[in-house]
Amino acid sequence: MRNKITKCLFPAAGYGTRFLPATKATPKEMLPILTKPLIQYGVEEALEAEIHTMAIVTGRGKRAIEDHFDISYELEHQIKGTSKEHYLTEIRDVITQCTFSYTRQIEMKGLGHAILSGETLIGDEPFAVVLADDLCTHLPDEHSSGVLAQMVELYNLYKCSIVAIEEVPEHKTDKYGIVAGDLMEGHDDLYRVDQMVEKPDPKDAPSNLAIIGRYILTPDIFDILRETKAGKGQEIQITDALMEQARQGKVLAYRFKGRRFDCGSVDGFVEATNYFYELSK
């Protein structure tokens, strides 16, 4: 097993029902914030963490993702030498720096099942997971690295699974996986997880620390997922599998530096669009 994080898994097979009818024929991961699709922001975050192999779990109707991370010879020919050529500079750089591989999730049975579907692309090594509709960015007044780069740095120290967390209003705990645990010695933002509950009722939540769409996972997670029974919503929950690791003291939760937008919701999508528009001025 390798110890360095070299691959990032993108579960991208979901239907994006909250954005219908826009997502009827367009993957939600391809919805643009300004001129760049959500999944490209995630790939660029992985690149910043020095991860160059992108493993994408897709489903029916997701071919646009593969086409985006490929050369479009007709388009390149049409705009070559014109004032519009510079619009493709960023995506060309991404394509040049990355290797992309794809597999399909045949049935939608939860995030845990989607991650297990990616095992053939990952193999026996630790890996990152990015949920593209959780868009994370640096705070403008900070010089910190991206969320995934922060997590990779922690993985290099502790060699165990890590989830990114942020505080949420207590009445919203039923929308997230919630963790609780003790602060690690010498840290004010890193917890050793001893509880993890998927979308608990606010009165039952062990804390208001919510998991967001960034993970570092060790490869034994695949064997655990194979044995994990369907949980809340009759789906295979990654939180249930991670709790198995947490019982052995092998899961950390990191309160990251940065800002996160829930672009799986219309409100969060609009908020992100306005935020990046103001930054672009």
C-alpha atoms as a PDB file:
ATOM      1  CA  MET A   1       0.000   0.000   0.000  1.00  0.00           C
ATOM      2  CA  ARG A   2       1.255   3.454  -0.893  1.00  0.00           C
ATOM      3  CA  ASN A   3       1.358   6.077   1.858  1.00  0.00           C
ATOM      4  CA  LYS A   4       1.161   9.128  -0.380  1.00  0.00           C
ATOM      5  CA  ILE A   5      -2.177  10.463  -1.628  1.00  0.00           C
ATOM      6  CA  THR A   6      -1.992  10.287  -5.420  1.00  0.00           C
ATOM      7  CA  LYS A   7      -5.655   9.792  -6.423  1.00  0.00           C
ATOM      8  CA  CYS A   8      -8.855  11.731  -5.897  1.00  0.00           C
ATOM      9  CA  LEU A   9     -12.273  10.101  -6.257  1.00  0.00           C
ATOM     10  CA  PHE A  10     -15.241  12.136  -7.490  1.00  0.00           C
ATOM     11  CA  PRO A  11     -18.646  10.497  -6.892  1.00  0.00           C
ATOM     12  CA  ALA A  12     -20.657  12.025  -9.745  1.00  0.00           C
ATOM     13  CA  ALA A  13     -23.505   9.636 -10.495  1.00  0.00           C
ATOM     14  CA  GLY A  14     -26.316  11.422  -8.649  1.00  0.00           C
ATOM     15  CA  TYR A  15     -29.373  12.819 -10.404  1.00  0.00           C
ATOM     16  CA  GLY A  16     -29.208  16.391  -9.087  1.00  0.00           C
ATOM     17  CA  THR A  17     -32.974  16.439  -8.542  1.00  0.00           C
ATOM     18  CA  ARG A  18     -32.921  19.742  -6.654  1.00  0.00           C
ATOM     19  CA  PHE A  19     -31.912  21.451  -9.912  1.00  0.00           C
ATOM     20  CA  LEU A  20     -34.511  19.931 -12.212  1.00  0.00           C
ATOM     21  CA  PRO A  21     -35.275  20.606 -14.991  1.00  0.00           C
ATOM     22  CA  ALA A  22     -31.752  22.036 -15.564  1.00  0.00           C
ATOM     23  CA  THR A  23     -30.172  18.685 -14.631  1.00  0.00           C
ATOM     24  CA  LYS A  24     -32.510  16.533 -16.730  1.00  0.00           C
ATOM     25  CA  ALA A  25     -29.852  16.262 -19.469  1.00  0.00           C
ATOM     26  CA  THR A  26     -26.920  18.093 -17.843  1.00  0.00           C
ATOM     27  CA  PRO A  27     -24.907  16.621 -14.938  1.00  0.00           C
ATOM     28  CA  LYS A  28     -25.177  18.767 -11.816  1.00  0.00           C
ATOM     29  CA  GLU A  29     -21.372  18.612 -11.606  1.00  0.00           C
ATOM     30  CA  MET A  30     -21.290  20.543 -14.903  1.00  0.00           C
ATOM     31  CA  LEU A  31     -23.395  23.439 -13.638  1.00  0.00           C
ATOM     32  CA  PRO A  32     -21.205  26.550 -13.940  1.00  0.00           C
ATOM     33  CA  ILE A  33     -20.145  28.992 -11.290  1.00  0.00           C
ATOM     34  CA  LEU A  34     -19.450  31.895 -13.644  1.00  0.00           C
ATOM     35  CA  THR A  35     -17.704  30.218 -16.610  1.00  0.00           C
ATOM     36  CA  LYS A  36     -16.323  27.097 -14.921  1.00  0.00           C
ATOM     37  CA  PRO A  37     -18.242  23.927 -13.988  1.00  0.00           C
ATOM     38  CA  LEU A  38     -18.361  22.767 -10.388  1.00  0.00           C
ATOM     39  CA  ILE A  39     -16.313  19.642 -11.008  1.00  0.00           C
ATOM     40  CA  GLN A  40     -13.443  21.650 -12.492  1.00  0.00           C
ATOM     41  CA  TYR A  41     -13.169  23.642  -9.256  1.00  0.00           C
ATOM     42  CA  GLY A  42     -12.849  20.318  -7.431  1.00  0.00           C
ATOM     43  CA  VAL A  43     -10.204  18.983  -9.813  1.00  0.00           C
ATOM     44  CA  GLU A  44      -8.197  22.215  -9.448  1.00  0.00           C
ATOM     45  CA  GLU A  45      -8.392  21.868  -5.655  1.00  0.00           C
ATOM     46  CA  ALA A  46      -6.994  18.340  -5.961  1.00  0.00           C
ATOM     47  CA  LEU A  47      -4.200  19.588  -8.211  1.00  0.00           C
ATOM     48  CA  GLU A  48      -3.273  22.188  -5.610  1.00  0.00           C
ATOM     49  CA  ALA A  49      -2.888  19.275  -3.175  1.00  0.00           C
ATOM     50  CA  GLU A  50      -0.440  17.695  -5.676  1.00  0.00           C
ATOM     51  CA  ILE A  51      -2.927  15.005  -6.681  1.00  0.00           C
ATOM     52  CA  HIS A  52      -2.868  14.327 -10.427  1.00  0.00           C
ATOM     53  CA  THR A  53      -4.957  11.179 -10.888  1.00  0.00           C
ATOM     54  CA  MET A  54      -8.706  11.828 -10.962  1.00  0.00           C
ATOM     55  CA  ALA A  55     -11.073   8.862 -10.607  1.00  0.00           C
ATOM     56  CA  ILE A  56     -14.669   9.735 -11.458  1.00  0.00           C
ATOM     57  CA  VAL A  57     -17.702   7.576 -10.662  1.00  0.00           C
ATOM     58  CA  THR A  58     -20.369   8.476 -13.199  1.00  0.00           C
ATOM     59  CA  GLY A  59     -23.778   7.217 -14.269  1.00  0.00           C
ATOM     60  CA  ARG A  60     -26.189   7.432 -17.152  1.00  0.00           C
ATOM     61  CA  GLY A  61     -26.332  10.846 -18.814  1.00  0.00           C
ATOM     62  CA  LYS A  62     -22.923  11.954 -17.518  1.00  0.00           C
ATOM     63  CA  ARG A  63     -20.898  11.904 -20.727  1.00  0.00           C
ATOM     64  CA  ALA A  64     -20.520  15.689 -20.598  1.00  0.00           C
ATOM     65  CA  ILE A  65     -18.022  15.244 -17.738  1.00  0.00           C
ATOM     66  CA  GLU A  66     -15.768  13.042 -19.844  1.00  0.00           C
ATOM     67  CA  ASP A  67     -16.071  15.404 -22.799  1.00  0.00           C
ATOM     68  CA  HIS A  68     -15.168  18.406 -20.647  1.00  0.00           C
ATOM     69  CA  PHE A  69     -11.860  16.846 -19.576  1.00  0.00           C
ATOM     70  CA  ASP A  70     -10.911  16.006 -23.156  1.00  0.00           C
ATOM     71  CA  ILE A  71      -9.692  17.912 -26.197  1.00  0.00           C
ATOM     72  CA  SER A  72     -12.392  19.308 -28.479  1.00  0.00           C
ATOM     73  CA  TYR A  73     -10.534  19.425 -31.787  1.00  0.00           C
ATOM     74  CA  GLU A  74     -13.307  21.166 -33.713  1.00  0.00           C
ATOM     75  CA  LEU A  75     -13.660  23.910 -31.084  1.00  0.00           C
ATOM     76  CA  GLU A  76      -9.886  24.315 -30.800  1.00  0.00           C
ATOM     77  CA  HIS A  77      -9.644  24.684 -34.570  1.00  0.00           C
ATOM     78  CA  GLN A  78     -12.466  27.222 -34.735  1.00  0.00           C
ATOM     79  CA  ILE A  79     -11.024  29.621 -32.139  1.00  0.00           C
ATOM     80  CA  LYS A  80      -7.287  29.056 -32.704  1.00  0.00           C
ATOM     81  CA  GLY A  81      -5.543  32.368 -33.251  1.00  0.00           C
ATOM     82  CA  THR A  82      -8.627  34.412 -32.315  1.00  0.00           C
ATOM     83  CA  SER A  83      -9.304  36.638 -29.331  1.00  0.00           C
ATOM     84  CA  LYS A  84     -11.357  33.817 -27.791  1.00  0.00           C
ATOM     85  CA  GLU A  85      -8.540  31.258 -27.582  1.00  0.00           C
ATOM     86  CA  HIS A  86      -7.531  32.349 -24.083  1.00  0.00           C
ATOM     87  CA  TYR A  87     -10.862  31.108 -22.700  1.00  0.00           C
ATOM     88  CA  LEU A  88      -9.572  27.532 -22.967  1.00  0.00           C
ATOM     89  CA  THR A  89      -6.260  28.168 -21.179  1.00  0.00           C
ATOM     90  CA  GLU A  90      -7.395  26.965 -17.741  1.00  0.00           C
ATOM     91  CA  ILE A  91      -9.015  23.746 -18.890  1.00  0.00           C
ATOM     92  CA  ARG A  92      -6.068  22.954 -21.185  1.00  0.00           C
ATOM     93  CA  ASP A  93      -3.753  23.252 -18.166  1.00  0.00           C
ATOM     94  CA  VAL A  94      -5.969  20.889 -16.161  1.00  0.00           C
ATOM     95  CA  ILE A  95      -6.102  18.304 -18.956  1.00  0.00           C
ATOM     96  CA  THR A  96      -2.334  18.463 -19.376  1.00  0.00           C
ATOM     97  CA  GLN A  97      -1.611  17.935 -15.679  1.00  0.00           C
ATOM     98  CA  CYS A  98      -4.143  15.195 -14.923  1.00  0.00           C
ATOM     99  CA  THR A  99      -4.986  11.624 -15.765  1.00  0.00           C
ATOM    100  CA  PHE A 100      -8.719  10.870 -15.737  1.00  0.00           C
ATOM    101  CA  SER A 101     -10.366   7.475 -15.361  1.00  0.00           C
ATOM    102  CA  TYR A 102     -14.054   6.623 -15.145  1.00  0.00           C
ATOM    103  CA  THR A 103     -16.370   3.904 -13.947  1.00  0.00           C
ATOM    104  CA  ARG A 104     -20.160   3.748 -13.674  1.00  0.00           C
ATOM    105  CA  GLN A 105     -22.318   3.347 -10.604  1.00  0.00           C
ATOM    106  CA  ILE A 106     -25.149   1.189 -11.927  1.00  0.00           C
ATOM    107  CA  GLU A 107     -27.510   1.760  -8.994  1.00  0.00           C
ATOM    108  CA  MET A 108     -27.800   4.850  -6.781  1.00  0.00           C
ATOM    109  CA  LYS A 109     -27.446   3.365  -3.294  1.00  0.00           C
ATOM    110  CA  GLY A 110     -25.761   6.144  -1.341  1.00  0.00           C
ATOM    111  CA  LEU A 111     -22.362   7.777  -1.021  1.00  0.00           C
ATOM    112  CA  GLY A 112     -20.827   4.697   0.565  1.00  0.00           C
ATOM    113  CA  HIS A 113     -21.886   2.605  -2.415  1.00  0.00           C
ATOM    114  CA  ALA A 114     -20.562   5.248  -4.834  1.00  0.00           C
ATOM    115  CA  ILE A 115     -17.173   5.194  -3.121  1.00  0.00           C
ATOM    116  CA  LEU A 116     -17.123   1.390  -3.184  1.00  0.00           C
ATOM    117  CA  SER A 117     -17.914   1.547  -6.916  1.00  0.00           C
ATOM    118  CA  GLY A 118     -14.666   3.481  -7.350  1.00  0.00           C
ATOM    119  CA  GLU A 119     -12.478   0.771  -5.815  1.00  0.00           C
ATOM    120  CA  THR A 120     -11.397  -0.520  -9.220  1.00  0.00           C
ATOM    121  CA  LEU A 121      -9.984   2.942 -10.011  1.00  0.00           C
ATOM    122  CA  ILE A 122      -8.266   3.419  -6.644  1.00  0.00           C
ATOM    123  CA  GLY A 123      -6.730   0.084  -5.695  1.00  0.00           C
ATOM    124  CA  ASP A 124      -4.931  -0.559  -2.414  1.00  0.00           C
ATOM    125  CA  GLU A 125      -3.876   2.962  -1.472  1.00  0.00           C
ATOM    126  CA  PRO A 126      -5.166   5.944   0.518  1.00  0.00           C
ATOM    127  CA  PHE A 127      -7.163   8.429  -1.516  1.00  0.00           C
ATOM    128  CA  ALA A 128      -9.053  11.698  -1.389  1.00  0.00           C
ATOM    129  CA  VAL A 129     -12.765  12.142  -2.060  1.00  0.00           C
ATOM    130  CA  VAL A 130     -14.310  15.370  -3.351  1.00  0.00           C
ATOM    131  CA  LEU A 131     -18.042  15.997  -3.669  1.00  0.00           C
ATOM    132  CA  ALA A 132     -18.115  18.622  -6.399  1.00  0.00           C
ATOM    133  CA  ASP A 133     -21.316  20.295  -5.242  1.00  0.00           C
ATOM    134  CA  ASP A 134     -19.545  21.301  -2.030  1.00  0.00           C
ATOM    135  CA  LEU A 135     -17.483  24.144  -3.493  1.00  0.00           C
ATOM    136  CA  CYS A 136     -14.612  25.165  -1.207  1.00  0.00           C
ATOM    137  CA  THR A 137     -12.369  28.169  -1.603  1.00  0.00           C
ATOM    138  CA  HIS A 138      -9.693  30.146   0.230  1.00  0.00           C
ATOM    139  CA  LEU A 139     -10.742  33.062   2.366  1.00  0.00           C
ATOM    140  CA  PRO A 140      -9.623  36.237   0.548  1.00  0.00           C
ATOM    141  CA  ASP A 141      -7.789  37.597   3.599  1.00  0.00           C
ATOM    142  CA  GLU A 142      -5.871  34.370   4.220  1.00  0.00           C
ATOM    143  CA  HIS A 143      -2.901  32.791   2.472  1.00  0.00           C
ATOM    144  CA  SER A 144      -3.763  29.237   3.492  1.00  0.00           C
ATOM    145  CA  SER A 145      -3.805  26.359   1.053  1.00  0.00           C
ATOM    146  CA  GLY A 146      -7.006  24.751  -0.233  1.00  0.00           C
ATOM    147  CA  VAL A 147      -9.035  22.413   1.960  1.00  0.00           C
ATOM    148  CA  LEU A 148      -7.742  19.231   0.339  1.00  0.00           C
ATOM    149  CA  ALA A 149      -4.120  20.367   0.597  1.00  0.00           C
ATOM    150  CA  GLN A 150      -4.659  21.073   4.297  1.00  0.00           C
ATOM    151  CA  MET A 151      -6.071  17.573   4.765  1.00  0.00           C
ATOM    152  CA  VAL A 152      -3.257  15.880   2.835  1.00  0.00           C
ATOM    153  CA  GLU A 153      -0.756  17.622   5.111  1.00  0.00           C
ATOM    154  CA  LEU A 154      -2.572  16.188   8.136  1.00  0.00           C
ATOM    155  CA  TYR A 155      -2.732  12.734   6.557  1.00  0.00           C
ATOM    156  CA  ASN A 156       1.032  12.815   6.086  1.00  0.00           C
ATOM    157  CA  LEU A 157       1.334  13.246   9.873  1.00  0.00           C
ATOM    158  CA  TYR A 158      -1.331  10.835  11.144  1.00  0.00           C
ATOM    159  CA  LYS A 159      -1.844   8.232   8.343  1.00  0.00           C
ATOM    160  CA  CYS A 160      -5.543   7.667   8.994  1.00  0.00           C
ATOM    161  CA  SER A 161      -8.923   8.644   7.562  1.00  0.00           C
ATOM    162  CA  ILE A 162      -9.847  12.317   7.854  1.00  0.00           C
ATOM    163  CA  VAL A 163     -13.152  14.112   7.289  1.00  0.00           C
ATOM    164  CA  ALA A 164     -13.555  17.857   6.810  1.00  0.00           C
ATOM    165  CA  ILE A 165     -16.070  19.481   9.151  1.00  0.00           C
ATOM    166  CA  GLU A 166     -17.671  22.834   9.849  1.00  0.00           C
ATOM    167  CA  GLU A 167     -20.091  24.100  12.457  1.00  0.00           C
ATOM    168  CA  VAL A 168     -23.714  24.287  11.312  1.00  0.00           C
ATOM    169  CA  PRO A 169     -26.815  25.691  13.033  1.00  0.00           C
ATOM    170  CA  GLU A 170     -28.138  23.110  15.478  1.00  0.00           C
ATOM    171  CA  HIS A 171     -31.521  22.950  13.739  1.00  0.00           C
ATOM    172  CA  LYS A 172     -29.801  21.796  10.517  1.00  0.00           C
ATOM    173  CA  THR A 173     -28.026  18.705  11.854  1.00  0.00           C
ATOM    174  CA  ASP A 174     -30.594  16.488  10.105  1.00  0.00           C
ATOM    175  CA  LYS A 175     -29.072  17.475   6.762  1.00  0.00           C
ATOM    176  CA  TYR A 176     -25.507  16.270   7.495  1.00  0.00           C
ATOM    177  CA  GLY A 177     -23.341  13.554   8.899  1.00  0.00           C
ATOM    178  CA  ILE A 178     -22.483  14.797  12.406  1.00  0.00           C
ATOM    179  CA  VAL A 179     -19.345  13.944  14.394  1.00  0.00           C
ATOM    180  CA  ALA A 180     -18.194  14.318  17.971  1.00  0.00           C
ATOM    181  CA  GLY A 181     -14.884  13.654  19.637  1.00  0.00           C
ATOM    182  CA  ASP A 182     -11.998  15.077  21.628  1.00  0.00           C
ATOM    183  CA  LEU A 183      -9.576  17.713  20.422  1.00  0.00           C
ATOM    184  CA  MET A 184      -6.163  16.334  19.556  1.00  0.00           C
ATOM    185  CA  GLU A 185      -3.391  17.560  21.812  1.00  0.00           C
ATOM    186  CA  GLY A 186      -1.744  20.654  20.374  1.00  0.00           C
ATOM    187  CA  HIS A 187      -4.629  21.407  17.977  1.00  0.00           C
ATOM    188  CA  ASP A 188      -7.679  23.636  18.177  1.00  0.00           C
ATOM    189  CA  ASP A 189      -9.233  22.380  14.934  1.00  0.00           C
ATOM    190  CA  LEU A 190      -8.553  18.618  14.844  1.00  0.00           C
ATOM    191  CA  TYR A 191     -10.664  16.005  16.646  1.00  0.00           C
ATOM    192  CA  ARG A 192     -10.270  12.290  17.279  1.00  0.00           C
ATOM    193  CA  VAL A 193     -13.734  11.038  16.304  1.00  0.00           C
ATOM    194  CA  ASP A 194     -15.650   8.779  18.664  1.00  0.00           C
ATOM    195  CA  GLN A 195     -19.205   9.424  17.416  1.00  0.00           C
ATOM    196  CA  MET A 196     -20.549   9.768  13.898  1.00  0.00           C
ATOM    197  CA  VAL A 197     -24.258   9.877  13.042  1.00  0.00           C
ATOM    198  CA  GLU A 198     -25.914  10.320   9.644  1.00  0.00           C
ATOM    199  CA  LYS A 199     -28.478  13.161   9.576  1.00  0.00           C
ATOM    200  CA  PRO A 200     -29.564  13.010  13.222  1.00  0.00           C
ATOM    201  CA  ASP A 201     -32.616  14.803  14.532  1.00  0.00           C
ATOM    202  CA  PRO A 202     -31.373  18.008  16.244  1.00  0.00           C
ATOM    203  CA  LYS A 203     -32.408  16.704  19.663  1.00  0.00           C
ATOM    204  CA  ASP A 204     -30.280  13.568  19.131  1.00  0.00           C
ATOM    205  CA  ALA A 205     -27.217  15.166  17.499  1.00  0.00           C
ATOM    206  CA  PRO A 206     -23.975  14.675  19.477  1.00  0.00           C
ATOM    207  CA  SER A 207     -22.679  18.071  18.292  1.00  0.00           C
ATOM    208  CA  ASN A 208     -23.137  20.631  15.523  1.00  0.00           C
ATOM    209  CA  LEU A 209     -19.924  19.605  13.715  1.00  0.00           C
ATOM    210  CA  ALA A 210     -21.012  18.568  10.229  1.00  0.00           C
ATOM    211  CA  ILE A 211     -19.064  16.586   7.649  1.00  0.00           C
ATOM    212  CA  ILE A 212     -18.730  18.365   4.299  1.00  0.00           C
ATOM    213  CA  GLY A 213     -17.726  16.883   0.956  1.00  0.00           C
ATOM    214  CA  ARG A 214     -13.999  16.357   1.553  1.00  0.00           C
ATOM    215  CA  TYR A 215     -12.491  13.097   2.798  1.00  0.00           C
ATOM    216  CA  ILE A 216      -9.173  11.310   3.016  1.00  0.00           C
ATOM    217  CA  LEU A 217      -9.806   7.563   3.259  1.00  0.00           C
ATOM    218  CA  THR A 218      -7.525   4.623   3.890  1.00  0.00           C
ATOM    219  CA  PRO A 219      -8.071   1.625   1.562  1.00  0.00           C
ATOM    220  CA  ASP A 220      -9.475  -0.674   4.270  1.00  0.00           C
ATOM    221  CA  ILE A 221     -12.650   1.398   3.894  1.00  0.00           C
ATOM    222  CA  PHE A 222     -13.536  -0.739   0.862  1.00  0.00           C
ATOM    223  CA  ASP A 223     -13.667  -3.977   2.883  1.00  0.00           C
ATOM    224  CA  ILE A 224     -15.716  -2.220   5.556  1.00  0.00           C
ATOM    225  CA  LEU A 225     -18.152  -0.851   2.965  1.00  0.00           C
ATOM    226  CA  ARG A 226     -18.648  -4.333   1.535  1.00  0.00           C
ATOM    227  CA  GLU A 227     -19.910  -5.435   4.947  1.00  0.00           C
ATOM    228  CA  THR A 228     -21.899  -2.281   5.714  1.00  0.00           C
ATOM    229  CA  LYS A 229     -25.648  -2.792   5.666  1.00  0.00           C
ATOM    230  CA  ALA A 230     -27.990  -0.178   4.232  1.00  0.00           C
ATOM    231  CA  GLY A 231     -28.767   2.488   6.813  1.00  0.00           C
ATOM    232  CA  LYS A 232     -30.719   5.724   6.766  1.00  0.00           C
ATOM    233  CA  GLY A 233     -32.760   6.045   3.572  1.00  0.00           C
ATOM    234  CA  GLN A 234     -31.905   2.410   2.689  1.00  0.00           C
ATOM    235  CA  GLU A 235     -28.535   3.667   1.438  1.00  0.00           C
ATOM    236  CA  ILE A 236     -25.014   2.507   2.240  1.00  0.00           C
ATOM    237  CA  GLN A 237     -23.724   5.404   4.320  1.00  0.00           C
ATOM    238  CA  ILE A 238     -20.046   6.328   4.373  1.00  0.00           C
ATOM    239  CA  THR A 239     -20.568   7.542   7.951  1.00  0.00           C
ATOM    240  CA  ASP A 240     -21.467   3.996   9.057  1.00  0.00           C
ATOM    241  CA  ALA A 241     -18.264   2.640   7.502  1.00  0.00           C
ATOM    242  CA  LEU A 242     -16.162   5.433   8.976  1.00  0.00           C
ATOM    243  CA  MET A 243     -17.624   4.713  12.407  1.00  0.00           C
ATOM    244  CA  GLU A 244     -16.096   1.239  12.172  1.00  0.00           C
ATOM    245  CA  GLN A 245     -12.693   2.880  11.703  1.00  0.00           C
ATOM    246  CA  ALA A 246     -13.449   5.421  14.448  1.00  0.00           C
ATOM    247  CA  ARG A 247     -13.991   2.602  16.965  1.00  0.00           C
ATOM    248  CA  GLN A 248     -10.321   1.797  16.411  1.00  0.00           C
ATOM    249  CA  GLY A 249      -9.326   5.451  16.841  1.00  0.00           C
ATOM    250  CA  LYS A 250      -8.542   5.768  13.134  1.00  0.00           C
ATOM    251  CA  VAL A 251     -10.688   8.752  12.064  1.00  0.00           C
ATOM    252  CA  LEU A 252      -9.903  12.439  12.524  1.00  0.00           C
ATOM    253  CA  ALA A 253     -12.233  15.368  11.875  1.00  0.00           C
ATOM    254  CA  TYR A 254     -10.663  18.629  10.706  1.00  0.00           C
ATOM    255  CA  ARG A 255     -12.303  22.021  11.014  1.00  0.00           C
ATOM    256  CA  PHE A 256     -10.829  23.457   7.849  1.00  0.00           C
ATOM    257  CA  LYS A 257      -9.684  26.958   6.973  1.00  0.00           C
ATOM    258  CA  GLY A 258     -11.672  28.351   4.069  1.00  0.00           C
ATOM    259  CA  ARG A 259     -15.218  28.874   2.906  1.00  0.00           C
ATOM    260  CA  ARG A 260     -17.661  26.290   1.665  1.00  0.00           C
ATOM    261  CA  PHE A 261     -20.738  26.738  -0.521  1.00  0.00           C
ATOM    262  CA  ASP A 262     -23.468  24.096  -0.713  1.00  0.00           C
ATOM    263  CA  CYS A 263     -23.951  24.213  -4.472  1.00  0.00           C
ATOM    264  CA  GLY A 264     -26.269  21.227  -4.284  1.00  0.00           C
ATOM    265  CA  SER A 265     -28.918  23.735  -3.180  1.00  0.00           C
ATOM    266  CA  VAL A 266     -30.219  26.647  -5.222  1.00  0.00           C
ATOM    267  CA  ASP A 267     -29.514  29.110  -2.404  1.00  0.00           C
ATOM    268  CA  GLY A 268     -25.907  27.952  -2.057  1.00  0.00           C
ATOM    269  CA  PHE A 269     -25.412  27.932  -5.817  1.00  0.00           C
ATOM    270  CA  VAL A 270     -26.595  31.543  -6.111  1.00  0.00           C
ATOM    271  CA  GLU A 271     -24.481  32.566  -3.106  1.00  0.00           C
ATOM    272  CA  ALA A 272     -21.375  31.011  -4.700  1.00  0.00           C
ATOM    273  CA  THR A 273     -22.088  32.665  -8.044  1.00  0.00           C
ATOM    274  CA  ASN A 274     -22.410  36.082  -6.426  1.00  0.00           C
ATOM    275  CA  TYR A 275     -19.278  35.527  -4.310  1.00  0.00           C
ATOM    276  CA  PHE A 276     -17.068  34.516  -7.240  1.00  0.00           C
ATOM    277  CA  TYR A 277     -18.534  37.275  -9.403  1.00  0.00           C
ATOM    278  CA  GLU A 278     -17.507  39.894  -6.829  1.00  0.00           C
ATOM    279  CA  LEU A 279     -14.032  38.347  -6.622  1.00  0.00           C
ATOM    280  CA  SER A 280     -13.672  38.499 -10.408  1.00  0.00           C
ATOM    281  CA  LYS A 281     -14.213  42.249 -10.619  1.00  0.00           C
END
